[in-house]
Protein backbone atom coordinates (compact mmCIF):
# COMPACT_ATOMS: atom_id res chain seq x y z
CA UNK A 1 -71.05 -53.17 -25.71
CA UNK A 2 -68.90 -50.65 -26.17
CA UNK A 3 -66.30 -49.37 -23.36
CA UNK A 4 -63.90 -46.52 -23.37
CA UNK A 5 -61.01 -46.14 -20.85
CA UNK A 6 -58.90 -42.61 -20.33
CA UNK A 7 -55.65 -41.85 -18.15
CA UNK A 8 -53.71 -39.11 -17.05
CA UNK A 9 -50.77 -40.15 -15.56
CA UNK A 10 -49.61 -38.64 -11.96
CA UNK A 11 -47.22 -36.44 -11.44
CA UNK A 12 -45.78 -37.57 -8.35
CA UNK A 13 -42.09 -37.74 -9.74
CA UNK A 14 -41.98 -33.89 -9.31
CA UNK A 15 -42.55 -33.85 -5.84
CA UNK A 16 -39.61 -36.49 -5.05
CA UNK A 17 -36.75 -34.11 -5.10
CA UNK A 18 -37.84 -31.39 -2.42
CA UNK A 19 -38.91 -34.74 -0.30
CA UNK A 20 -35.47 -35.84 -0.97
CA UNK A 21 -34.16 -32.80 0.10
CA UNK A 22 -36.46 -32.35 3.05
CA UNK A 23 -36.15 -35.85 4.56
CA UNK A 24 -31.95 -35.29 4.57
CA UNK A 25 -32.44 -31.85 6.43
CA UNK A 26 -34.60 -33.58 8.99
CA UNK A 27 -32.41 -36.28 9.63
CA UNK A 28 -29.19 -34.53 9.86
CA UNK A 29 -30.95 -31.83 12.51
CA UNK A 30 -32.68 -34.55 14.16
CA UNK A 31 -28.97 -36.16 15.32
CA UNK A 32 -27.89 -32.43 16.21
CA UNK A 33 -30.73 -31.54 18.31
CA UNK A 34 -30.75 -35.09 19.80
CA UNK A 35 -26.62 -34.80 20.55
CA UNK A 36 -27.08 -31.24 21.85
CA UNK A 37 -30.37 -32.37 24.04
CA UNK A 38 -28.18 -35.11 25.84
CA UNK A 39 -25.45 -32.44 26.48
CA UNK A 40 -26.93 -29.87 27.65
CA UNK A 41 -29.77 -31.74 29.96
CA UNK A 42 -32.44 -30.12 28.06
CA UNK A 43 -35.45 -32.35 27.78
CA UNK A 44 -37.56 -30.14 25.77
CA UNK A 45 -34.48 -30.96 23.17
CA UNK A 46 -34.49 -34.14 23.39
CA UNK A 47 -38.35 -34.22 22.73
CA UNK A 48 -38.28 -32.43 19.94
CA UNK A 49 -35.53 -34.40 18.77
CA UNK A 50 -38.49 -36.80 18.96
CA UNK A 51 -40.91 -34.91 17.13
CA UNK A 52 -38.49 -34.54 14.35
CA UNK A 53 -37.78 -38.35 14.62
CA UNK A 54 -41.63 -39.22 13.50
CA UNK A 55 -41.29 -35.95 10.69
CA UNK A 56 -38.25 -38.12 9.00
CA UNK A 57 -40.01 -41.06 9.11
CA UNK A 58 -42.84 -39.84 7.38
CA UNK A 59 -41.17 -37.91 4.82
CA UNK A 60 -39.61 -41.41 4.19
CA UNK A 61 -42.80 -43.07 3.95
CA UNK A 62 -44.16 -40.47 1.63
CA UNK A 63 -40.86 -41.05 -0.64
CA UNK A 64 -40.82 -44.56 -1.09
CA UNK A 65 -44.82 -44.51 -1.67
CA UNK A 66 -43.97 -42.03 -4.69
CA UNK A 67 -41.08 -44.30 -5.90
CA UNK A 68 -43.78 -47.45 -5.43
CA UNK A 69 -46.32 -45.96 -6.77
CA UNK A 70 -44.39 -44.79 -10.10
CA UNK A 71 -43.69 -48.59 -10.43
CA UNK A 72 -47.49 -48.75 -12.10
CA UNK A 73 -47.12 -52.08 -13.83
CA UNK A 74 -50.40 -54.41 -13.40
CA UNK A 75 -47.70 -57.05 -13.07
CA UNK A 76 -48.73 -59.66 -10.05
CA UNK A 77 -52.35 -59.16 -10.15
CA UNK A 78 -51.67 -55.25 -9.26
CA UNK A 79 -53.96 -53.71 -12.00
CA UNK A 80 -54.03 -50.40 -10.57
CA UNK A 81 -50.51 -50.51 -9.65
CA UNK A 82 -49.37 -49.36 -6.72
CA UNK A 83 -50.92 -45.45 -6.70
CA UNK A 84 -53.10 -46.56 -3.67
CA UNK A 85 -49.60 -46.82 -1.32
CA UNK A 86 -49.48 -42.63 -1.19
CA UNK A 87 -52.70 -42.77 0.55
CA UNK A 88 -51.71 -45.75 2.97
CA UNK A 89 -48.39 -43.59 3.67
CA UNK A 90 -50.56 -40.51 4.38
CA UNK A 91 -53.37 -42.43 6.92
CA UNK A 92 -49.97 -43.31 8.75
CA UNK A 93 -48.56 -39.58 8.70
CA UNK A 94 -52.24 -38.77 10.61
CA UNK A 95 -51.21 -41.71 12.86
CA UNK A 96 -48.11 -40.70 13.49
CA UNK A 97 -48.65 -37.15 14.45
CA UNK A 98 -51.85 -38.20 16.42
CA UNK A 99 -48.77 -40.08 18.93
CA UNK A 100 -46.93 -37.17 18.67
CA UNK A 101 -49.30 -35.16 19.76
CA UNK A 102 -50.23 -36.87 22.72
CA UNK A 103 -46.48 -37.48 23.55
CA UNK A 104 -46.34 -33.70 23.57
CA UNK A 105 -49.38 -33.54 25.68
CA UNK A 106 -48.52 -35.79 27.86
CA UNK A 107 -44.90 -34.26 28.58
CA UNK A 108 -46.57 -31.00 29.15
CA UNK A 109 -48.64 -32.32 32.23
CA UNK A 110 -45.65 -34.10 33.62
CA UNK A 111 -43.88 -30.34 33.10
CA UNK A 112 -46.80 -28.54 35.06
CA UNK A 113 -46.03 -30.83 38.04
CA UNK A 114 -42.75 -30.76 38.21
CA UNK A 115 -40.63 -28.41 35.81
CA UNK A 116 -37.38 -29.69 34.63
CA UNK A 117 -33.97 -28.13 34.68
CA UNK A 118 -33.27 -26.26 31.13
CA UNK A 119 -30.04 -24.96 29.79
CA UNK A 120 -31.99 -22.30 28.35
CA UNK A 121 -29.22 -20.43 25.95
CA UNK A 122 -28.17 -23.53 24.16
CA UNK A 123 -32.17 -24.37 24.10
CA UNK A 124 -32.44 -21.23 22.14
CA UNK A 125 -29.97 -21.60 19.68
CA UNK A 126 -30.40 -25.12 18.79
CA UNK A 127 -34.48 -24.17 18.24
CA UNK A 128 -33.46 -21.58 16.31
CA UNK A 129 -31.24 -23.53 13.96
CA UNK A 130 -34.17 -25.76 13.87
CA UNK A 131 -36.83 -23.00 12.98
CA UNK A 132 -34.84 -22.42 10.03
CA UNK A 133 -34.45 -26.25 8.61
CA UNK A 134 -38.14 -26.46 9.00
CA UNK A 135 -38.98 -23.03 7.28
CA UNK A 136 -36.49 -24.73 4.58
CA UNK A 137 -38.57 -27.62 4.57
CA UNK A 138 -41.76 -26.04 4.65
CA UNK A 139 -40.72 -23.81 1.73
CA UNK A 140 -39.90 -26.72 -0.26
CA UNK A 141 -43.05 -28.58 0.04
CA UNK A 142 -45.76 -25.97 0.17
CA UNK A 143 -46.44 -26.28 -3.26
CA UNK A 144 -46.46 -30.29 -3.41
CA UNK A 145 -48.93 -29.87 -0.46
CA UNK A 146 -51.40 -28.50 -2.13
CA UNK A 147 -51.50 -31.33 -5.52
CA UNK A 148 -50.65 -34.92 -3.15
CA UNK A 149 -52.39 -36.23 -0.37
CA UNK A 150 -49.21 -37.92 0.80
CA UNK A 151 -47.13 -34.76 0.48
CA UNK A 152 -49.36 -32.82 2.49
CA UNK A 153 -48.70 -35.28 5.56
CA UNK A 154 -45.38 -35.13 4.78
CA UNK A 155 -46.27 -31.31 4.77
CA UNK A 156 -47.85 -30.64 7.88
CA UNK A 157 -45.64 -32.56 9.93
CA UNK A 158 -42.80 -29.92 9.00
CA UNK A 159 -45.24 -27.30 9.57
CA UNK A 160 -46.20 -29.22 12.67
CA UNK A 161 -42.55 -29.22 14.03
CA UNK A 162 -42.01 -25.48 12.52
CA UNK A 163 -44.41 -24.33 15.48
CA UNK A 164 -42.90 -26.30 17.83
CA UNK A 165 -39.60 -24.75 16.90
CA UNK A 166 -41.43 -21.38 16.89
CA UNK A 167 -42.63 -22.67 20.96
CA UNK A 168 -39.37 -23.55 22.24
CA UNK A 169 -37.79 -20.15 21.32
CA UNK A 170 -40.47 -18.40 23.27
CA UNK A 171 -40.27 -20.75 26.18
CA UNK A 172 -36.61 -20.16 25.82
CA UNK A 173 -37.06 -16.52 26.23
CA UNK A 174 -39.40 -16.21 28.56
CA UNK A 175 -37.62 -18.53 30.62
CA UNK A 176 -34.54 -16.54 29.99
CA UNK A 177 -35.77 -13.18 30.83
CA UNK A 178 -38.48 -14.22 33.52
CA UNK A 179 -37.47 -17.04 35.11
CA UNK A 180 -40.79 -18.99 34.64
CA UNK A 181 -40.22 -22.28 33.92
CA UNK A 182 -43.83 -22.99 33.26
CA UNK A 183 -43.42 -21.35 30.12
CA UNK A 184 -41.86 -24.83 28.61
CA UNK A 185 -44.98 -27.04 29.24
CA UNK A 186 -47.94 -24.33 28.38
CA UNK A 187 -45.68 -24.27 24.97
CA UNK A 188 -45.31 -27.56 24.44
CA UNK A 189 -48.98 -27.99 25.49
CA UNK A 190 -49.79 -25.70 23.03
CA UNK A 191 -48.27 -27.21 20.48
CA UNK A 192 -50.24 -30.75 20.87
CA UNK A 193 -53.49 -28.87 20.69
CA UNK A 194 -52.20 -27.36 17.32
CA UNK A 195 -51.27 -30.63 15.86
CA UNK A 196 -54.40 -32.76 16.65
CA UNK A 197 -56.92 -30.79 14.27
CA UNK A 198 -54.32 -31.15 11.14
CA UNK A 199 -53.97 -34.93 12.11
CA UNK A 200 -58.02 -35.62 12.22
CA UNK A 201 -58.24 -33.72 8.89
CA UNK A 202 -55.34 -35.66 7.31
CA UNK A 203 -56.72 -39.29 8.26
CA UNK A 204 -60.25 -38.49 8.08
CA UNK A 205 -59.32 -37.66 4.00
CA UNK A 206 -56.71 -40.94 3.94
CA UNK A 207 -59.85 -42.87 5.33
CA UNK A 208 -62.63 -41.50 3.24
CA UNK A 209 -60.44 -42.86 -0.13
CA UNK A 210 -59.69 -46.15 1.36
CA UNK A 211 -63.47 -47.01 2.06
CA UNK A 212 -63.92 -45.60 -1.78
CA UNK A 213 -66.57 -42.74 -0.59
CA UNK A 214 -67.26 -40.12 -3.32
CA UNK A 215 -64.85 -37.56 -3.54
CA UNK A 216 -65.93 -34.50 -1.85
CA UNK A 217 -68.18 -31.97 -2.75
CA UNK A 218 -69.06 -34.47 -6.07
CA UNK A 219 -72.92 -34.41 -6.48
CA UNK A 220 -74.09 -38.34 -7.72
CA UNK A 221 -77.32 -37.31 -8.44
CA UNK A 222 -76.75 -34.61 -10.52
CA UNK A 223 -73.71 -36.31 -12.36
CA UNK A 224 -76.34 -39.03 -13.16
CA UNK A 225 -78.68 -36.90 -14.25
CA UNK A 226 -76.71 -35.01 -16.57
CA UNK A 227 -75.28 -38.44 -18.26
CA UNK A 228 -79.02 -39.49 -18.39
CA UNK A 229 -79.78 -36.13 -20.82
CA UNK A 230 -76.91 -37.24 -23.35
CA UNK A 231 -79.60 -37.96 -26.32
CA UNK A 232 -79.98 -41.25 -26.92
CA UNK A 233 -79.33 -42.42 -22.90
CA UNK A 234 -82.55 -44.25 -21.57
CA UNK A 235 -81.07 -45.28 -18.48
CA UNK A 236 -77.91 -44.80 -16.12
CA UNK A 237 -76.68 -47.46 -13.61
CA UNK A 238 -74.16 -49.15 -12.16
CA UNK A 239 -72.91 -45.25 -11.37
CA UNK A 240 -69.63 -45.43 -9.07
CA UNK A 241 -67.18 -42.71 -8.33
CA UNK A 242 -64.24 -42.85 -5.53
CA UNK A 243 -60.66 -41.62 -5.77
CA UNK A 244 -57.56 -43.66 -6.31
CA UNK A 245 -55.03 -41.52 -5.24
CA UNK A 246 -54.16 -37.85 -5.46
CA UNK A 247 -55.17 -36.09 -8.76
CA UNK A 248 -56.85 -39.08 -9.90
CA UNK A 249 -60.89 -39.83 -9.41
CA UNK A 250 -61.84 -42.33 -11.20
CA UNK A 251 -65.49 -43.33 -12.52
CA UNK A 252 -67.46 -46.51 -14.07
CA UNK A 253 -70.87 -46.39 -15.48
CA UNK A 254 -73.46 -48.61 -17.69
CA UNK A 255 -75.12 -45.86 -20.29
CA UNK A 256 -78.22 -47.75 -21.66
CA UNK A 257 -79.50 -46.19 -25.16
CA UNK A 258 -81.78 -46.69 -27.68
CA UNK A 259 -80.41 -49.49 -30.23
CA UNK A 260 -80.39 -47.13 -32.83
CA UNK A 261 -77.89 -45.03 -30.79
CA UNK A 262 -74.75 -44.22 -32.08
CA UNK A 263 -72.59 -45.61 -29.40
CA UNK A 264 -69.37 -43.70 -30.38
CA UNK A 265 -71.45 -40.39 -29.89
CA UNK A 266 -72.54 -40.89 -26.55
CA UNK A 267 -68.72 -42.16 -25.46
CA UNK A 268 -67.45 -39.05 -26.59
CA UNK A 269 -70.48 -36.85 -25.24
CA UNK A 270 -70.20 -38.74 -21.55
CA UNK A 271 -66.08 -38.83 -21.30
CA UNK A 272 -66.27 -34.82 -22.24
CA UNK A 273 -68.82 -34.36 -19.38
CA UNK A 274 -66.82 -36.31 -17.16
CA UNK A 275 -63.36 -34.78 -18.02
CA UNK A 276 -65.00 -30.79 -18.56
CA UNK A 277 -67.39 -30.83 -15.64
CA UNK A 278 -66.07 -33.29 -12.90
CA UNK A 279 -62.18 -33.22 -13.57
CA UNK A 280 -62.76 -37.05 -13.66
CA UNK A 281 -59.85 -38.27 -16.67
CA UNK A 282 -59.88 -41.75 -16.00
CA UNK A 283 -62.92 -43.21 -16.94
CA UNK A 284 -64.96 -46.75 -17.97
CA UNK A 285 -68.08 -46.37 -19.74
CA UNK A 286 -69.88 -48.78 -20.75
CA UNK A 287 -72.37 -48.44 -23.42
CA UNK A 288 -75.52 -51.26 -24.11
CA UNK A 289 -78.53 -51.05 -26.35
CA UNK A 290 -81.76 -51.45 -24.48
CA UNK A 291 -82.01 -54.39 -26.12
CA UNK A 292 -79.58 -56.58 -23.88
CA UNK A 293 -80.21 -58.17 -20.64
CA UNK A 294 -78.25 -59.11 -17.86
CA UNK A 295 -77.11 -55.96 -15.81
CA UNK A 296 -80.18 -55.32 -13.79
CA UNK A 297 -79.68 -58.96 -12.01
CA UNK A 298 -76.10 -57.69 -10.49
CA UNK A 299 -77.50 -56.46 -7.42
CA UNK A 300 -74.74 -54.82 -5.32
């Protein structure tokens, strides 16, 4: 039997600096917004400060996950290091997003019943400043969100808060110009509805990874057929493909060959197929002659 194991390191560290800057900006403005909310008596600002608090927590978890995942030592029984912490952080972020959306929708219902008095001018000024902070955070995290599920969770929280700032600005302008107090709960409800589908998609992605489902769009039957078409391969079994963390799909498979087949050639062709056609760089391939006995006894 011969095995091949390939691995390409993830580039999570390049996301560390943008996350750290965004985290600092959100924490500072969260305090500013909370203080301004209490001083002006603006419930909207206090609520948005709570929203930013969940953003800060999500960004902090994303930072911690990247730092922890970068310690890839397999010591203490962690044969894959701490890579999976990134996905756990993304799932926690999805839960936070659901909680925020639920809170916003609850508050919207309460305000429709009894619209509170809001100091609209200070509300507008702080909301504009919050919009600037969130735009900076959005730009910092936009690239990383395309590469990392963990960063995507933090990015979605900042994006949701950016939409929240726009909603608060719009509500303040309407109340200033028309005096219509229901603008505040109306925009709050829209913000909550904006958050929910994004939280669902993020949580669904994280759960798929945690249950070790095959990556979306991967045709396992086609992959098995293509591996079986490699010259000398007579059977393909125990094929498993899953995602360990962002940018790292993992595969294991047994390739049975004729006794006279060169295993090195089979390994090279199979590894090339996985890397070039399926972007699977981390693979464990076991090549075994058809005279070998025992693999069929494994039923799961």
